[in-house]
N, C-alpha and C. Protein backbone atom coordinates (compact mmCIF):
# COMPACT_ATOMS: atom_id res chain seq x y z
N UNK A 1 -79.50 122.51 -130.36
CA UNK A 1 -79.08 121.30 -131.05
C UNK A 1 -80.32 120.55 -131.50
N UNK A 2 -80.35 120.09 -132.72
CA UNK A 2 -81.49 119.34 -133.24
C UNK A 2 -81.38 117.88 -132.81
N UNK A 3 -82.52 117.28 -132.56
CA UNK A 3 -82.54 115.87 -132.21
C UNK A 3 -82.23 115.07 -133.47
N UNK A 4 -81.45 114.00 -133.36
CA UNK A 4 -81.08 113.25 -134.56
C UNK A 4 -82.27 112.58 -135.23
N UNK A 5 -83.29 112.18 -134.48
CA UNK A 5 -84.44 111.51 -135.07
C UNK A 5 -85.51 112.48 -135.51
N UNK A 6 -85.33 113.74 -135.26
CA UNK A 6 -86.35 114.73 -135.58
C UNK A 6 -86.54 114.87 -137.09
N UNK A 7 -85.47 114.80 -137.84
CA UNK A 7 -85.57 114.98 -139.28
C UNK A 7 -86.19 113.77 -139.98
N UNK A 8 -86.19 112.63 -139.33
CA UNK A 8 -86.74 111.44 -139.97
C UNK A 8 -87.98 110.94 -139.24
N UNK A 9 -88.75 111.83 -138.65
CA UNK A 9 -89.97 111.44 -137.96
C UNK A 9 -90.93 110.81 -138.96
N UNK A 10 -91.53 109.65 -138.65
CA UNK A 10 -92.27 108.90 -139.66
C UNK A 10 -93.63 109.48 -140.07
N UNK A 11 -94.15 110.43 -139.36
CA UNK A 11 -95.45 111.00 -139.75
C UNK A 11 -95.30 112.49 -140.01
N UNK A 12 -96.34 113.07 -140.57
CA UNK A 12 -96.30 114.50 -140.86
C UNK A 12 -96.65 115.34 -139.63
N UNK A 13 -97.07 114.69 -138.55
CA UNK A 13 -97.41 115.39 -137.32
C UNK A 13 -96.13 115.63 -136.52
N UNK A 14 -96.01 116.81 -135.95
CA UNK A 14 -94.83 117.15 -135.15
C UNK A 14 -94.69 116.20 -133.96
N UNK A 15 -93.45 115.86 -133.61
CA UNK A 15 -93.24 114.97 -132.49
C UNK A 15 -93.71 115.59 -131.18
N UNK A 16 -93.77 116.91 -131.11
CA UNK A 16 -94.24 117.55 -129.89
C UNK A 16 -95.72 117.30 -129.64
N UNK A 17 -96.48 117.04 -130.69
CA UNK A 17 -97.89 116.72 -130.51
C UNK A 17 -98.11 115.28 -130.05
N UNK A 18 -97.13 114.42 -130.26
CA UNK A 18 -97.25 113.03 -129.82
C UNK A 18 -96.95 112.87 -128.33
N UNK A 19 -96.24 113.80 -127.73
CA UNK A 19 -95.82 113.67 -126.33
C UNK A 19 -97.00 113.51 -125.38
N UNK A 20 -98.06 114.33 -125.45
CA UNK A 20 -99.19 114.11 -124.53
C UNK A 20 -99.86 112.75 -124.71
N UNK A 21 -99.98 112.29 -125.95
CA UNK A 21 -100.58 110.98 -126.18
C UNK A 21 -99.72 109.86 -125.61
N UNK A 22 -98.42 109.99 -125.77
CA UNK A 22 -97.52 108.98 -125.21
C UNK A 22 -97.56 109.00 -123.69
N UNK A 23 -97.66 110.19 -123.09
CA UNK A 23 -97.73 110.29 -121.64
C UNK A 23 -99.01 109.65 -121.11
N UNK A 24 -100.12 109.88 -121.78
CA UNK A 24 -101.39 109.27 -121.37
C UNK A 24 -101.32 107.75 -121.52
N UNK A 25 -100.71 107.28 -122.60
CA UNK A 25 -100.59 105.84 -122.81
C UNK A 25 -99.74 105.19 -121.72
N UNK A 26 -98.64 105.83 -121.36
CA UNK A 26 -97.78 105.29 -120.30
C UNK A 26 -98.53 105.31 -118.97
N UNK A 27 -99.26 106.39 -118.70
CA UNK A 27 -100.03 106.48 -117.46
C UNK A 27 -101.08 105.38 -117.40
N UNK A 28 -101.77 105.14 -118.51
CA UNK A 28 -102.79 104.09 -118.53
C UNK A 28 -102.19 102.72 -118.27
N UNK A 29 -101.07 102.46 -118.91
CA UNK A 29 -100.44 101.15 -118.72
C UNK A 29 -99.98 100.96 -117.29
N UNK A 30 -99.38 101.99 -116.71
CA UNK A 30 -98.84 101.85 -115.35
C UNK A 30 -99.93 101.79 -114.30
N UNK A 31 -100.94 102.63 -114.41
CA UNK A 31 -101.91 102.76 -113.32
C UNK A 31 -103.25 102.08 -113.55
N UNK A 32 -103.66 101.82 -114.77
CA UNK A 32 -105.00 101.31 -115.02
C UNK A 32 -105.08 99.89 -115.54
N UNK A 33 -104.00 99.36 -116.10
CA UNK A 33 -104.02 98.01 -116.65
C UNK A 33 -103.71 97.02 -115.54
N UNK A 34 -104.47 95.92 -115.51
CA UNK A 34 -104.22 94.89 -114.50
C UNK A 34 -102.86 94.25 -114.73
N UNK A 35 -102.25 93.81 -113.62
CA UNK A 35 -100.92 93.22 -113.72
C UNK A 35 -100.95 91.95 -114.56
N UNK A 36 -102.01 91.17 -114.47
CA UNK A 36 -102.07 89.92 -115.25
C UNK A 36 -102.06 90.21 -116.75
N UNK A 37 -102.69 91.29 -117.17
CA UNK A 37 -102.68 91.65 -118.59
C UNK A 37 -101.28 92.07 -119.02
N UNK A 38 -100.63 92.91 -118.19
CA UNK A 38 -99.25 93.32 -118.52
C UNK A 38 -98.33 92.10 -118.57
N UNK A 39 -98.54 91.16 -117.66
CA UNK A 39 -97.72 89.95 -117.62
C UNK A 39 -97.92 89.12 -118.90
N UNK A 40 -99.18 89.00 -119.34
CA UNK A 40 -99.45 88.25 -120.56
C UNK A 40 -98.86 88.93 -121.79
N UNK A 41 -98.95 90.24 -121.85
CA UNK A 41 -98.38 90.99 -122.98
C UNK A 41 -96.86 90.83 -123.00
N UNK A 42 -96.23 90.93 -121.83
CA UNK A 42 -94.78 90.76 -121.77
C UNK A 42 -94.39 89.34 -122.20
N UNK A 43 -95.18 88.35 -121.82
CA UNK A 43 -94.92 86.97 -122.25
C UNK A 43 -95.04 86.80 -123.74
N UNK A 44 -96.07 87.43 -124.34
CA UNK A 44 -96.23 87.35 -125.79
C UNK A 44 -95.10 88.03 -126.54
N UNK A 45 -94.65 89.17 -126.01
CA UNK A 45 -93.51 89.87 -126.64
C UNK A 45 -92.26 88.99 -126.57
N UNK A 46 -92.04 88.34 -125.44
CA UNK A 46 -90.91 87.43 -125.31
C UNK A 46 -91.00 86.25 -126.25
N UNK A 47 -92.22 85.72 -126.40
CA UNK A 47 -92.42 84.61 -127.33
C UNK A 47 -92.17 85.04 -128.77
N UNK A 48 -92.60 86.25 -129.12
CA UNK A 48 -92.33 86.78 -130.46
C UNK A 48 -90.83 86.95 -130.69
N UNK A 49 -90.11 87.39 -129.66
CA UNK A 49 -88.67 87.56 -129.78
C UNK A 49 -87.97 86.22 -130.02
N UNK A 50 -88.42 85.19 -129.31
CA UNK A 50 -87.86 83.85 -129.52
C UNK A 50 -88.18 83.37 -130.93
N UNK A 51 -89.42 83.60 -131.37
CA UNK A 51 -89.80 83.22 -132.73
C UNK A 51 -88.97 83.94 -133.78
N UNK A 52 -88.68 85.22 -133.55
CA UNK A 52 -87.84 85.99 -134.47
C UNK A 52 -86.43 85.40 -134.53
N UNK A 53 -85.89 85.05 -133.36
CA UNK A 53 -84.53 84.49 -133.31
C UNK A 53 -84.48 83.15 -134.05
N UNK A 54 -85.50 82.30 -133.86
CA UNK A 54 -85.53 81.01 -134.56
C UNK A 54 -85.66 81.22 -136.07
N UNK A 55 -86.55 82.14 -136.48
CA UNK A 55 -86.73 82.41 -137.91
C UNK A 55 -85.43 82.95 -138.53
N UNK A 56 -84.74 83.81 -137.80
CA UNK A 56 -83.47 84.35 -138.30
C UNK A 56 -82.45 83.24 -138.49
N UNK A 57 -82.39 82.33 -137.53
CA UNK A 57 -81.45 81.22 -137.62
C UNK A 57 -81.80 80.30 -138.79
N UNK A 58 -83.09 80.01 -138.97
CA UNK A 58 -83.51 79.11 -140.05
C UNK A 58 -83.37 79.76 -141.43
N UNK A 59 -83.44 81.09 -141.49
CA UNK A 59 -83.27 81.78 -142.77
C UNK A 59 -81.84 81.64 -143.29
N UNK A 60 -80.90 81.56 -142.36
CA UNK A 60 -79.50 81.38 -142.75
C UNK A 60 -78.92 82.55 -143.52
N UNK A 61 -78.91 83.76 -142.94
CA UNK A 61 -78.34 84.90 -143.66
C UNK A 61 -76.83 84.82 -143.72
N UNK A 62 -76.23 85.72 -144.45
CA UNK A 62 -74.78 85.85 -144.49
C UNK A 62 -74.36 86.48 -143.16
N UNK A 63 -73.89 85.65 -142.24
CA UNK A 63 -73.62 86.10 -140.87
C UNK A 63 -72.51 87.15 -140.82
N UNK A 64 -71.54 87.04 -141.71
CA UNK A 64 -70.45 88.02 -141.72
C UNK A 64 -70.99 89.41 -142.09
N UNK A 65 -71.83 89.46 -143.12
CA UNK A 65 -72.42 90.75 -143.52
C UNK A 65 -73.36 91.27 -142.43
N UNK A 66 -74.09 90.37 -141.81
CA UNK A 66 -75.00 90.77 -140.74
C UNK A 66 -74.23 91.34 -139.55
N UNK A 67 -73.04 90.81 -139.29
CA UNK A 67 -72.21 91.34 -138.21
C UNK A 67 -71.57 92.67 -138.56
N UNK A 68 -71.29 92.90 -139.86
CA UNK A 68 -70.66 94.15 -140.28
C UNK A 68 -71.64 95.32 -140.28
N UNK A 69 -72.90 95.07 -140.54
CA UNK A 69 -73.86 96.16 -140.70
C UNK A 69 -74.00 97.06 -139.47
N UNK A 70 -74.10 96.53 -138.25
CA UNK A 70 -74.22 97.45 -137.11
C UNK A 70 -72.97 98.27 -136.85
N UNK A 71 -71.83 97.81 -137.35
CA UNK A 71 -70.59 98.55 -137.08
C UNK A 71 -70.33 99.66 -138.09
N UNK A 72 -71.15 99.75 -139.15
CA UNK A 72 -70.99 100.84 -140.12
C UNK A 72 -71.51 102.13 -139.51
N UNK A 73 -70.73 103.19 -139.65
CA UNK A 73 -71.11 104.49 -139.10
C UNK A 73 -71.37 105.44 -140.26
N UNK A 74 -72.53 106.09 -140.23
CA UNK A 74 -72.83 107.03 -141.30
C UNK A 74 -72.03 108.32 -141.08
N UNK A 75 -71.72 109.05 -142.14
CA UNK A 75 -70.95 110.29 -142.00
C UNK A 75 -71.67 111.31 -141.11
N UNK A 76 -73.00 111.36 -141.16
CA UNK A 76 -73.75 112.30 -140.32
C UNK A 76 -73.60 111.96 -138.84
N UNK A 77 -73.69 110.67 -138.51
CA UNK A 77 -73.53 110.27 -137.11
C UNK A 77 -72.12 110.56 -136.64
N UNK A 78 -71.15 110.36 -137.50
CA UNK A 78 -69.77 110.63 -137.13
C UNK A 78 -69.55 112.11 -136.86
N UNK A 79 -70.10 112.98 -137.71
CA UNK A 79 -69.91 114.41 -137.49
C UNK A 79 -70.65 114.86 -136.24
N UNK A 80 -71.82 114.27 -135.95
CA UNK A 80 -72.56 114.62 -134.73
C UNK A 80 -71.78 114.22 -133.50
N UNK A 81 -71.20 113.01 -133.51
CA UNK A 81 -70.44 112.57 -132.35
C UNK A 81 -69.18 113.42 -132.16
N UNK A 82 -68.57 113.88 -133.25
CA UNK A 82 -67.40 114.75 -133.12
C UNK A 82 -67.80 116.10 -132.52
N UNK A 83 -68.97 116.62 -132.96
CA UNK A 83 -69.44 117.90 -132.41
C UNK A 83 -69.71 117.77 -130.92
N UNK A 84 -70.35 116.67 -130.51
CA UNK A 84 -70.65 116.47 -129.09
C UNK A 84 -69.35 116.32 -128.31
N UNK A 85 -68.39 115.59 -128.87
CA UNK A 85 -67.10 115.43 -128.20
C UNK A 85 -66.38 116.75 -128.03
N UNK A 86 -66.42 117.61 -129.04
CA UNK A 86 -65.74 118.90 -128.92
C UNK A 86 -66.47 119.81 -127.93
N UNK A 87 -67.80 119.68 -127.83
CA UNK A 87 -68.54 120.47 -126.84
C UNK A 87 -68.17 120.03 -125.44
N UNK A 88 -67.98 118.71 -125.25
CA UNK A 88 -67.58 118.21 -123.93
C UNK A 88 -66.21 118.75 -123.55
N UNK A 89 -65.30 118.79 -124.52
CA UNK A 89 -63.96 119.29 -124.22
C UNK A 89 -63.99 120.77 -123.83
N UNK A 90 -64.82 121.56 -124.51
CA UNK A 90 -64.90 122.98 -124.19
C UNK A 90 -65.58 123.23 -122.86
N UNK A 91 -66.55 122.36 -122.49
CA UNK A 91 -67.33 122.60 -121.28
C UNK A 91 -66.77 121.91 -120.05
N UNK A 92 -65.81 121.02 -120.21
CA UNK A 92 -65.29 120.32 -119.06
C UNK A 92 -64.35 121.21 -118.26
N UNK A 93 -64.37 121.09 -116.92
CA UNK A 93 -63.49 121.91 -116.10
C UNK A 93 -62.03 121.52 -116.29
N UNK A 94 -61.18 122.51 -116.29
CA UNK A 94 -59.75 122.28 -116.46
C UNK A 94 -59.14 121.95 -115.12
N UNK A 95 -58.28 120.96 -115.11
CA UNK A 95 -57.62 120.58 -113.84
C UNK A 95 -56.17 120.93 -113.90
């Protein structure tokens, strides 16, 4: 089964080549970065999130359209979910 994000990977480098770099980055953050730095970064990310929410509110978008957009399902996602559902039905034990 192909990964759904594999076809739309943003760079020309294979995603398999990014895995070791991501693993090293996670290891560095967990084991080598001081807790105070991680705490400050998490605080800045939270502050940016609050700023984004305030900016979104002040922009005044069409809230109805904004609410409809996440509920739209693309035909490809629908066919993938149907395939996964049918695989579950075939693989589930019969009672």
